[in-house]
């Protein structure tokens, strides 16, 4: 009987210790922060050199403010739904991604950016994550490609390739714009418990729909951050669609950052370039009450 009591006491003590350790770990995760640069840039279709200049100007400002991760919009190099990308885009790894890597090394900043990717005869709407040494950590290919907007359309990425990558700032997930429309994709990420979600956007509408259209993006960012249970940065373009059925539609900016409970922490300028550096608490809230 005494042996049994001692075993029970030991079990209670061990359980309490593990509970305390778990609480400490959760508090430590909640206390981690990363200094994010929200790089809401102008992107001009087909203007590779000009767009790279604008990317570097943003990185100069971000580095001067001690940013650790710079987040850029969708198709920042060649423009979204630009059919010229079928001939202009490079593979990943390739000349454009390597150039982003060189900028990451130059400014000592991790970079998340949307860029078109050529793979054989296929064109993908992709996004990459590059660390401050220029190493390519992750590539995501957009799944919801809206194929009616370009001929031939972007090739589709695969839902099973949605994932996270371990970095010095925790587990980072990357999706692209319309991928966040799909509940199942967000649920897949939630199961992977990312500490931070970075999403390049190309959020566009006709001129008369702004600024009201930004409210839809705000609601989407809030919803997905709360569903995945981690902070999320959704960074939009500024500019204009110049090809296809949405020719003349504008990207309205209004990028958003939300915490893991879906509360908006920052809203970028409406229909203008913006660069904002901020400290964001990172860590998955999945499994916590």
C-alpha atoms as a PDB file:
ATOM      1  CA  UNK A   1       0.000   0.000   0.000  1.00  0.00           C
ATOM      2  CA  UNK A   2       2.835   2.394   0.907  1.00  0.00           C
ATOM      3  CA  UNK A   3       4.535   1.613  -2.395  1.00  0.00           C
ATOM      4  CA  UNK A   4       1.330   2.463  -4.232  1.00  0.00           C
ATOM      5  CA  UNK A   5       0.955   5.762  -2.336  1.00  0.00           C
ATOM      6  CA  UNK A   6       4.550   6.681  -3.107  1.00  0.00           C
ATOM      7  CA  UNK A   7       4.022   5.850  -6.781  1.00  0.00           C
ATOM      8  CA  UNK A   8       0.925   8.052  -6.838  1.00  0.00           C
ATOM      9  CA  UNK A   9       2.786  10.905  -5.149  1.00  0.00           C
ATOM     10  CA  UNK A  10       5.637  10.602  -7.637  1.00  0.00           C
ATOM     11  CA  UNK A  11       3.153  10.563 -10.537  1.00  0.00           C
ATOM     12  CA  UNK A  12       1.437  13.708  -9.234  1.00  0.00           C
ATOM     13  CA  UNK A  13       4.759  15.497  -8.764  1.00  0.00           C
ATOM     14  CA  UNK A  14       5.976  14.519 -12.236  1.00  0.00           C
ATOM     15  CA  UNK A  15       2.673  15.620 -13.801  1.00  0.00           C
ATOM     16  CA  UNK A  16       2.918  18.954 -11.991  1.00  0.00           C
ATOM     17  CA  UNK A  17       6.494  19.410 -13.184  1.00  0.00           C
ATOM     18  CA  UNK A  18       5.548  18.676 -16.784  1.00  0.00           C
ATOM     19  CA  UNK A  19       2.578  21.016 -16.474  1.00  0.00           C
ATOM     20  CA  UNK A  20       4.857  23.765 -15.193  1.00  0.00           C
ATOM     21  CA  UNK A  21       7.366  23.141 -17.955  1.00  0.00           C
ATOM     22  CA  UNK A  22       4.600  23.255 -20.544  1.00  0.00           C
ATOM     23  CA  UNK A  23       3.329  26.555 -19.126  1.00  0.00           C
ATOM     24  CA  UNK A  24       6.861  27.991 -19.161  1.00  0.00           C
ATOM     25  CA  UNK A  25       7.332  26.853 -22.767  1.00  0.00           C
ATOM     26  CA  UNK A  26       4.029  28.426 -23.792  1.00  0.00           C
ATOM     27  CA  UNK A  27       4.944  31.690 -22.077  1.00  0.00           C
ATOM     28  CA  UNK A  28       8.361  31.651 -23.723  1.00  0.00           C
ATOM     29  CA  UNK A  29       6.777  31.047 -27.138  1.00  0.00           C
ATOM     30  CA  UNK A  30       4.346  33.892 -26.563  1.00  0.00           C
ATOM     31  CA  UNK A  31       7.231  36.179 -25.511  1.00  0.00           C
ATOM     32  CA  UNK A  32       9.196  35.658 -28.748  1.00  0.00           C
ATOM     33  CA  UNK A  33       9.044  38.561 -31.153  1.00  0.00           C
ATOM     34  CA  UNK A  34      10.223  39.201 -34.685  1.00  0.00           C
ATOM     35  CA  UNK A  35      10.737  42.579 -36.309  1.00  0.00           C
ATOM     36  CA  UNK A  36       8.667  42.511 -39.506  1.00  0.00           C
ATOM     37  CA  UNK A  37       8.935  44.927 -42.433  1.00  0.00           C
ATOM     38  CA  UNK A  38       5.681  45.252 -44.377  1.00  0.00           C
ATOM     39  CA  UNK A  39       6.913  46.209 -47.857  1.00  0.00           C
ATOM     40  CA  UNK A  40       3.884  47.456 -49.785  1.00  0.00           C
ATOM     41  CA  UNK A  41       5.573  48.341 -53.069  1.00  0.00           C
ATOM     42  CA  UNK A  42       4.550  49.468 -56.539  1.00  0.00           C
ATOM     43  CA  UNK A  43       5.003  46.688 -59.098  1.00  0.00           C
ATOM     44  CA  UNK A  44       4.832  47.409 -62.842  1.00  0.00           C
ATOM     45  CA  UNK A  45       4.082  44.540 -65.213  1.00  0.00           C
ATOM     46  CA  UNK A  46       7.200  43.358 -67.053  1.00  0.00           C
ATOM     47  CA  UNK A  47       9.483  45.971 -65.437  1.00  0.00           C
ATOM     48  CA  UNK A  48      11.949  43.514 -63.888  1.00  0.00           C
ATOM     49  CA  UNK A  49      14.713  46.064 -63.311  1.00  0.00           C
ATOM     50  CA  UNK A  50      12.400  48.770 -61.999  1.00  0.00           C
ATOM     51  CA  UNK A  51      10.668  46.333 -59.678  1.00  0.00           C
ATOM     52  CA  UNK A  52      14.007  45.100 -58.347  1.00  0.00           C
ATOM     53  CA  UNK A  53      14.983  48.723 -57.688  1.00  0.00           C
ATOM     54  CA  UNK A  54      11.784  49.249 -55.707  1.00  0.00           C
ATOM     55  CA  UNK A  55      12.395  46.032 -53.778  1.00  0.00           C
ATOM     56  CA  UNK A  56      15.904  47.167 -52.874  1.00  0.00           C
ATOM     57  CA  UNK A  57      14.747  50.647 -51.823  1.00  0.00           C
ATOM     58  CA  UNK A  58      12.295  48.976 -49.448  1.00  0.00           C
ATOM     59  CA  UNK A  59      15.023  46.686 -48.107  1.00  0.00           C
ATOM     60  CA  UNK A  60      17.307  49.675 -47.486  1.00  0.00           C
ATOM     61  CA  UNK A  61      14.614  51.281 -45.331  1.00  0.00           C
ATOM     62  CA  UNK A  62      13.768  47.995 -43.631  1.00  0.00           C
ATOM     63  CA  UNK A  63      17.396  47.280 -42.720  1.00  0.00           C
ATOM     64  CA  UNK A  64      17.854  50.834 -41.433  1.00  0.00           C
ATOM     65  CA  UNK A  65      14.990  50.116 -39.016  1.00  0.00           C
ATOM     66  CA  UNK A  66      16.549  46.787 -37.964  1.00  0.00           C
ATOM     67  CA  UNK A  67      13.911  44.583 -39.580  1.00  0.00           C
ATOM     68  CA  UNK A  68      14.522  40.835 -39.376  1.00  0.00           C
ATOM     69  CA  UNK A  69      11.992  39.685 -41.997  1.00  0.00           C
ATOM     70  CA  UNK A  70      10.835  41.739 -45.010  1.00  0.00           C
ATOM     71  CA  UNK A  71       7.533  40.663 -46.575  1.00  0.00           C
ATOM     72  CA  UNK A  72       6.645  41.628 -50.158  1.00  0.00           C
ATOM     73  CA  UNK A  73       3.519  41.167 -52.329  1.00  0.00           C
ATOM     74  CA  UNK A  74       2.537  38.604 -54.971  1.00  0.00           C
ATOM     75  CA  UNK A  75       4.379  38.536 -58.342  1.00  0.00           C
ATOM     76  CA  UNK A  76       6.626  41.405 -57.278  1.00  0.00           C
ATOM     77  CA  UNK A  77       9.160  40.883 -60.085  1.00  0.00           C
ATOM     78  CA  UNK A  78       7.069  40.641 -63.275  1.00  0.00           C
ATOM     79  CA  UNK A  79       3.525  41.523 -62.198  1.00  0.00           C
ATOM     80  CA  UNK A  80       0.540  39.303 -61.517  1.00  0.00           C
ATOM     81  CA  UNK A  81      -1.397  37.685 -64.399  1.00  0.00           C
ATOM     82  CA  UNK A  82       1.129  39.076 -66.871  1.00  0.00           C
ATOM     83  CA  UNK A  83       1.281  36.676 -69.872  1.00  0.00           C
ATOM     84  CA  UNK A  84       4.753  37.992 -70.742  1.00  0.00           C
ATOM     85  CA  UNK A  85       5.954  36.072 -67.692  1.00  0.00           C
ATOM     86  CA  UNK A  86       5.669  32.885 -69.755  1.00  0.00           C
ATOM     87  CA  UNK A  87       8.810  34.012 -71.586  1.00  0.00           C
ATOM     88  CA  UNK A  88      10.366  36.307 -68.946  1.00  0.00           C
ATOM     89  CA  UNK A  89      10.151  34.185 -65.789  1.00  0.00           C
ATOM     90  CA  UNK A  90      13.095  32.141 -64.518  1.00  0.00           C
ATOM     91  CA  UNK A  91      13.263  28.817 -62.672  1.00  0.00           C
ATOM     92  CA  UNK A  92      13.525  28.713 -58.878  1.00  0.00           C
ATOM     93  CA  UNK A  93      16.362  28.433 -58.006  1.00  0.00           C
ATOM     94  CA  UNK A  94      17.363  30.743 -60.849  1.00  0.00           C
ATOM     95  CA  UNK A  95      18.480  34.239 -61.678  1.00  0.00           C
ATOM     96  CA  UNK A  96      15.614  36.097 -59.981  1.00  0.00           C
ATOM     97  CA  UNK A  97      15.577  34.041 -56.780  1.00  0.00           C
ATOM     98  CA  UNK A  98      19.375  34.228 -56.601  1.00  0.00           C
ATOM     99  CA  UNK A  99      19.150  37.999 -56.960  1.00  0.00           C
ATOM    100  CA  UNK A 100      16.717  38.077 -54.036  1.00  0.00           C
ATOM    101  CA  UNK A 101      19.189  35.943 -52.088  1.00  0.00           C
ATOM    102  CA  UNK A 102      21.967  38.441 -52.834  1.00  0.00           C
ATOM    103  CA  UNK A 103      19.764  41.266 -51.523  1.00  0.00           C
ATOM    104  CA  UNK A 104      19.031  39.265 -48.376  1.00  0.00           C
ATOM    105  CA  UNK A 105      22.784  38.894 -47.784  1.00  0.00           C
ATOM    106  CA  UNK A 106      23.469  42.548 -48.548  1.00  0.00           C
ATOM    107  CA  UNK A 107      20.903  43.855 -46.077  1.00  0.00           C
ATOM    108  CA  UNK A 108      21.007  41.024 -43.539  1.00  0.00           C
ATOM    109  CA  UNK A 109      17.240  40.455 -43.733  1.00  0.00           C
ATOM    110  CA  UNK A 110      15.118  37.346 -44.305  1.00  0.00           C
ATOM    111  CA  UNK A 111      12.829  37.919 -47.314  1.00  0.00           C
ATOM    112  CA  UNK A 112       9.414  36.501 -48.194  1.00  0.00           C
ATOM    113  CA  UNK A 113       8.328  37.503 -51.694  1.00  0.00           C
ATOM    114  CA  UNK A 114       5.967  36.447 -54.468  1.00  0.00           C
ATOM    115  CA  UNK A 115       7.564  35.840 -57.873  1.00  0.00           C
ATOM    116  CA  UNK A 116       6.699  33.992 -61.078  1.00  0.00           C
ATOM    117  CA  UNK A 117       8.513  30.707 -61.679  1.00  0.00           C
ATOM    118  CA  UNK A 118       9.173  28.950 -64.990  1.00  0.00           C
ATOM    119  CA  UNK A 119       9.519  25.162 -64.817  1.00  0.00           C
ATOM    120  CA  UNK A 120       9.808  23.613 -68.278  1.00  0.00           C
ATOM    121  CA  UNK A 121       6.743  24.744 -70.205  1.00  0.00           C
ATOM    122  CA  UNK A 122       4.835  25.587 -67.014  1.00  0.00           C
ATOM    123  CA  UNK A 123       4.491  28.961 -65.301  1.00  0.00           C
ATOM    124  CA  UNK A 124       3.823  29.025 -61.560  1.00  0.00           C
ATOM    125  CA  UNK A 125       2.716  31.860 -59.312  1.00  0.00           C
ATOM    126  CA  UNK A 126       5.204  31.153 -56.529  1.00  0.00           C
ATOM    127  CA  UNK A 127       6.535  32.637 -53.319  1.00  0.00           C
ATOM    128  CA  UNK A 128       9.886  32.051 -51.677  1.00  0.00           C
ATOM    129  CA  UNK A 129      11.403  32.489 -48.242  1.00  0.00           C
ATOM    130  CA  UNK A 130      15.122  33.319 -48.212  1.00  0.00           C
ATOM    131  CA  UNK A 131      17.181  33.681 -45.029  1.00  0.00           C
ATOM    132  CA  UNK A 132      19.613  36.518 -44.311  1.00  0.00           C
ATOM    133  CA  UNK A 133      22.514  34.494 -45.751  1.00  0.00           C
ATOM    134  CA  UNK A 134      20.679  34.190 -49.061  1.00  0.00           C
ATOM    135  CA  UNK A 135      19.740  30.537 -48.591  1.00  0.00           C
ATOM    136  CA  UNK A 136      16.446  29.472 -50.164  1.00  0.00           C
ATOM    137  CA  UNK A 137      14.463  28.001 -47.272  1.00  0.00           C
ATOM    138  CA  UNK A 138      11.055  27.398 -48.824  1.00  0.00           C
ATOM    139  CA  UNK A 139       9.051  27.679 -52.017  1.00  0.00           C
ATOM    140  CA  UNK A 140       5.274  27.634 -52.285  1.00  0.00           C
ATOM    141  CA  UNK A 141       3.363  27.354 -55.553  1.00  0.00           C
ATOM    142  CA  UNK A 142      -0.056  28.990 -55.581  1.00  0.00           C
ATOM    143  CA  UNK A 143      -2.920  26.509 -55.729  1.00  0.00           C
ATOM    144  CA  UNK A 144      -5.981  28.719 -56.415  1.00  0.00           C
ATOM    145  CA  UNK A 145      -4.655  30.295 -59.619  1.00  0.00           C
ATOM    146  CA  UNK A 146      -7.893  31.817 -61.062  1.00  0.00           C
ATOM    147  CA  UNK A 147      -7.210  30.252 -64.495  1.00  0.00           C
ATOM    148  CA  UNK A 148      -9.706  32.386 -66.445  1.00  0.00           C
ATOM    149  CA  UNK A 149      -7.558  35.496 -65.969  1.00  0.00           C
ATOM    150  CA  UNK A 150      -4.652  34.538 -68.248  1.00  0.00           C
ATOM    151  CA  UNK A 151      -4.054  32.380 -71.350  1.00  0.00           C
ATOM    152  CA  UNK A 152      -2.298  30.071 -70.892  1.00  0.00           C
ATOM    153  CA  UNK A 153      -2.991  30.178 -67.144  1.00  0.00           C
ATOM    154  CA  UNK A 154      -0.624  29.609 -64.279  1.00  0.00           C
ATOM    155  CA  UNK A 155      -0.097  25.938 -63.479  1.00  0.00           C
ATOM    156  CA  UNK A 156      -1.535  24.869 -60.136  1.00  0.00           C
ATOM    157  CA  UNK A 157       0.474  24.002 -57.071  1.00  0.00           C
ATOM    158  CA  UNK A 158      -0.466  20.967 -54.964  1.00  0.00           C
ATOM    159  CA  UNK A 159      -2.388  21.190 -51.662  1.00  0.00           C
ATOM    160  CA  UNK A 160      -0.242  18.397 -50.239  1.00  0.00           C
ATOM    161  CA  UNK A 161       2.818  20.644 -50.600  1.00  0.00           C
ATOM    162  CA  UNK A 162       1.462  23.171 -48.089  1.00  0.00           C
ATOM    163  CA  UNK A 163       3.894  23.152 -45.206  1.00  0.00           C
ATOM    164  CA  UNK A 164       6.066  25.015 -42.734  1.00  0.00           C
ATOM    165  CA  UNK A 165       9.808  25.541 -42.489  1.00  0.00           C
ATOM    166  CA  UNK A 166      11.856  25.793 -39.314  1.00  0.00           C
ATOM    167  CA  UNK A 167      13.775  29.077 -39.095  1.00  0.00           C
ATOM    168  CA  UNK A 168      15.614  31.073 -36.453  1.00  0.00           C
ATOM    169  CA  UNK A 169      12.280  32.817 -35.785  1.00  0.00           C
ATOM    170  CA  UNK A 170      10.238  29.635 -35.445  1.00  0.00           C
ATOM    171  CA  UNK A 171       8.076  27.668 -37.870  1.00  0.00           C
ATOM    172  CA  UNK A 172       7.059  29.861 -40.813  1.00  0.00           C
ATOM    173  CA  UNK A 173       4.265  29.136 -43.294  1.00  0.00           C
ATOM    174  CA  UNK A 174       3.814  30.770 -46.700  1.00  0.00           C
ATOM    175  CA  UNK A 175       0.635  30.880 -48.800  1.00  0.00           C
ATOM    176  CA  UNK A 176      -0.315  33.164 -51.701  1.00  0.00           C
ATOM    177  CA  UNK A 177      -3.408  35.404 -51.982  1.00  0.00           C
ATOM    178  CA  UNK A 178      -6.366  33.257 -53.172  1.00  0.00           C
ATOM    179  CA  UNK A 179      -4.967  30.206 -51.362  1.00  0.00           C
ATOM    180  CA  UNK A 180      -6.345  31.856 -48.215  1.00  0.00           C
ATOM    181  CA  UNK A 181      -9.875  31.607 -49.675  1.00  0.00           C
ATOM    182  CA  UNK A 182      -9.962  27.867 -48.930  1.00  0.00           C
ATOM    183  CA  UNK A 183     -10.831  26.596 -45.448  1.00  0.00           C
ATOM    184  CA  UNK A 184      -9.112  23.246 -46.025  1.00  0.00           C
ATOM    185  CA  UNK A 185      -5.760  24.897 -46.739  1.00  0.00           C
ATOM    186  CA  UNK A 186      -5.966  26.895 -43.516  1.00  0.00           C
ATOM    187  CA  UNK A 187      -6.904  23.755 -41.586  1.00  0.00           C
ATOM    188  CA  UNK A 188      -3.875  21.949 -43.025  1.00  0.00           C
ATOM    189  CA  UNK A 189      -1.649  24.767 -41.776  1.00  0.00           C
ATOM    190  CA  UNK A 190      -3.303  24.839 -38.374  1.00  0.00           C
ATOM    191  CA  UNK A 191      -2.393  21.168 -37.900  1.00  0.00           C
ATOM    192  CA  UNK A 192       1.253  22.056 -38.603  1.00  0.00           C
ATOM    193  CA  UNK A 193       1.220  24.752 -35.868  1.00  0.00           C
ATOM    194  CA  UNK A 194       3.174  27.535 -37.576  1.00  0.00           C
ATOM    195  CA  UNK A 195       4.527  30.363 -35.436  1.00  0.00           C
ATOM    196  CA  UNK A 196       4.057  32.902 -38.223  1.00  0.00           C
ATOM    197  CA  UNK A 197       2.191  33.002 -41.551  1.00  0.00           C
ATOM    198  CA  UNK A 198       3.385  35.222 -44.418  1.00  0.00           C
ATOM    199  CA  UNK A 199       1.078  35.801 -47.394  1.00  0.00           C
ATOM    200  CA  UNK A 200       1.936  37.843 -50.507  1.00  0.00           C
ATOM    201  CA  UNK A 201      -1.287  39.277 -51.979  1.00  0.00           C
ATOM    202  CA  UNK A 202      -2.385  40.763 -55.304  1.00  0.00           C
ATOM    203  CA  UNK A 203      -5.691  42.156 -53.989  1.00  0.00           C
ATOM    204  CA  UNK A 204      -7.343  44.032 -56.860  1.00  0.00           C
ATOM    205  CA  UNK A 205     -10.680  45.637 -57.761  1.00  0.00           C
ATOM    206  CA  UNK A 206     -12.109  48.296 -60.053  1.00  0.00           C
ATOM    207  CA  UNK A 207     -11.331  51.846 -58.979  1.00  0.00           C
ATOM    208  CA  UNK A 208     -14.844  52.513 -57.719  1.00  0.00           C
ATOM    209  CA  UNK A 209     -14.616  49.572 -55.281  1.00  0.00           C
ATOM    210  CA  UNK A 210     -11.817  51.157 -53.243  1.00  0.00           C
ATOM    211  CA  UNK A 211     -11.353  51.714 -50.361  1.00  0.00           C
ATOM    212  CA  UNK A 212     -14.303  49.476 -49.415  1.00  0.00           C
ATOM    213  CA  UNK A 213     -12.635  46.451 -51.061  1.00  0.00           C
ATOM    214  CA  UNK A 214      -9.873  46.590 -48.462  1.00  0.00           C
ATOM    215  CA  UNK A 215     -12.433  45.649 -45.785  1.00  0.00           C
ATOM    216  CA  UNK A 216     -12.796  42.235 -47.458  1.00  0.00           C
ATOM    217  CA  UNK A 217      -9.044  41.692 -47.225  1.00  0.00           C
ATOM    218  CA  UNK A 218      -9.038  42.818 -43.604  1.00  0.00           C
ATOM    219  CA  UNK A 219     -11.817  40.347 -42.761  1.00  0.00           C
ATOM    220  CA  UNK A 220      -9.962  37.551 -44.586  1.00  0.00           C
ATOM    221  CA  UNK A 221      -6.682  38.175 -42.759  1.00  0.00           C
ATOM    222  CA  UNK A 222      -8.493  38.294 -39.416  1.00  0.00           C
ATOM    223  CA  UNK A 223     -10.340  35.064 -40.190  1.00  0.00           C
ATOM    224  CA  UNK A 224      -7.302  33.064 -41.294  1.00  0.00           C
ATOM    225  CA  UNK A 225      -5.020  34.285 -38.503  1.00  0.00           C
ATOM    226  CA  UNK A 226      -7.658  33.264 -35.951  1.00  0.00           C
ATOM    227  CA  UNK A 227      -8.262  29.921 -37.690  1.00  0.00           C
ATOM    228  CA  UNK A 228      -4.588  28.943 -38.013  1.00  0.00           C
ATOM    229  CA  UNK A 229      -3.935  30.417 -34.547  1.00  0.00           C
ATOM    230  CA  UNK A 230      -0.779  32.309 -35.364  1.00  0.00           C
ATOM    231  CA  UNK A 231       0.131  35.867 -36.392  1.00  0.00           C
ATOM    232  CA  UNK A 232      -0.261  36.631 -40.089  1.00  0.00           C
ATOM    233  CA  UNK A 233       1.106  39.311 -42.404  1.00  0.00           C
ATOM    234  CA  UNK A 234      -0.805  39.808 -45.670  1.00  0.00           C
ATOM    235  CA  UNK A 235       1.067  42.214 -47.945  1.00  0.00           C
ATOM    236  CA  UNK A 236      -0.622  43.684 -51.012  1.00  0.00           C
ATOM    237  CA  UNK A 237       0.645  45.399 -54.147  1.00  0.00           C
ATOM    238  CA  UNK A 238       0.141  48.916 -55.402  1.00  0.00           C
ATOM    239  CA  UNK A 239      -0.347  49.266 -59.147  1.00  0.00           C
ATOM    240  CA  UNK A 240      -2.611  48.190 -61.988  1.00  0.00           C
ATOM    241  CA  UNK A 241      -3.468  45.005 -63.880  1.00  0.00           C
ATOM    242  CA  UNK A 242      -2.545  45.550 -67.530  1.00  0.00           C
ATOM    243  CA  UNK A 243      -3.634  42.290 -69.189  1.00  0.00           C
ATOM    244  CA  UNK A 244      -6.673  40.035 -69.415  1.00  0.00           C
ATOM    245  CA  UNK A 245     -10.301  40.460 -68.313  1.00  0.00           C
ATOM    246  CA  UNK A 246      -9.318  42.474 -65.233  1.00  0.00           C
ATOM    247  CA  UNK A 247      -7.314  45.048 -67.207  1.00  0.00           C
ATOM    248  CA  UNK A 248      -7.522  48.406 -65.445  1.00  0.00           C
ATOM    249  CA  UNK A 249      -8.262  46.955 -62.022  1.00  0.00           C
ATOM    250  CA  UNK A 250      -6.012  48.411 -59.335  1.00  0.00           C
ATOM    251  CA  UNK A 251      -4.182  46.946 -56.371  1.00  0.00           C
ATOM    252  CA  UNK A 252      -5.204  49.054 -53.421  1.00  0.00           C
ATOM    253  CA  UNK A 253      -2.505  48.386 -50.863  1.00  0.00           C
ATOM    254  CA  UNK A 254      -4.080  48.299 -47.380  1.00  0.00           C
ATOM    255  CA  UNK A 255      -1.858  45.427 -46.242  1.00  0.00           C
ATOM    256  CA  UNK A 256      -2.707  43.946 -42.839  1.00  0.00           C
ATOM    257  CA  UNK A 257      -0.984  42.280 -39.909  1.00  0.00           C
ATOM    258  CA  UNK A 258      -3.058  40.289 -37.386  1.00  0.00           C
ATOM    259  CA  UNK A 259      -2.196  38.398 -34.222  1.00  0.00           C
ATOM    260  CA  UNK A 260      -3.036  34.756 -33.549  1.00  0.00           C
ATOM    261  CA  UNK A 261      -6.457  35.720 -32.193  1.00  0.00           C
ATOM    262  CA  UNK A 262      -7.374  37.566 -35.384  1.00  0.00           C
ATOM    263  CA  UNK A 263      -6.923  41.083 -33.998  1.00  0.00           C
ATOM    264  CA  UNK A 264      -5.579  43.582 -36.530  1.00  0.00           C
ATOM    265  CA  UNK A 265      -2.261  45.036 -35.395  1.00  0.00           C
ATOM    266  CA  UNK A 266      -1.465  47.191 -38.426  1.00  0.00           C
ATOM    267  CA  UNK A 267      -3.115  48.525 -41.579  1.00  0.00           C
ATOM    268  CA  UNK A 268      -0.943  49.950 -44.375  1.00  0.00           C
ATOM    269  CA  UNK A 269      -1.835  52.982 -46.452  1.00  0.00           C
ATOM    270  CA  UNK A 270      -4.689  52.839 -48.914  1.00  0.00           C
ATOM    271  CA  UNK A 271      -3.599  52.951 -52.602  1.00  0.00           C
ATOM    272  CA  UNK A 272      -0.077  54.120 -51.904  1.00  0.00           C
ATOM    273  CA  UNK A 273       3.305  52.584 -51.312  1.00  0.00           C
ATOM    274  CA  UNK A 274       4.118  51.998 -47.657  1.00  0.00           C
ATOM    275  CA  UNK A 275       6.967  50.606 -45.582  1.00  0.00           C
ATOM    276  CA  UNK A 276       6.263  49.822 -41.964  1.00  0.00           C
ATOM    277  CA  UNK A 277       8.520  48.000 -39.500  1.00  0.00           C
ATOM    278  CA  UNK A 278       6.983  46.533 -36.364  1.00  0.00           C
ATOM    279  CA  UNK A 279       7.646  44.007 -33.622  1.00  0.00           C
ATOM    280  CA  UNK A 280       5.238  41.067 -33.734  1.00  0.00           C
ATOM    281  CA  UNK A 281       4.891  38.383 -31.070  1.00  0.00           C
ATOM    282  CA  UNK A 282       5.247  35.001 -32.774  1.00  0.00           C
ATOM    283  CA  UNK A 283       4.199  31.540 -31.716  1.00  0.00           C
ATOM    284  CA  UNK A 284       1.407  29.076 -32.405  1.00  0.00           C
ATOM    285  CA  UNK A 285      -1.680  29.391 -30.202  1.00  0.00           C
ATOM    286  CA  UNK A 286      -3.056  26.068 -31.489  1.00  0.00           C
ATOM    287  CA  UNK A 287      -4.122  23.900 -28.593  1.00  0.00           C
ATOM    288  CA  UNK A 288      -4.287  26.824 -26.167  1.00  0.00           C
ATOM    289  CA  UNK A 289      -7.559  28.119 -24.781  1.00  0.00           C
END
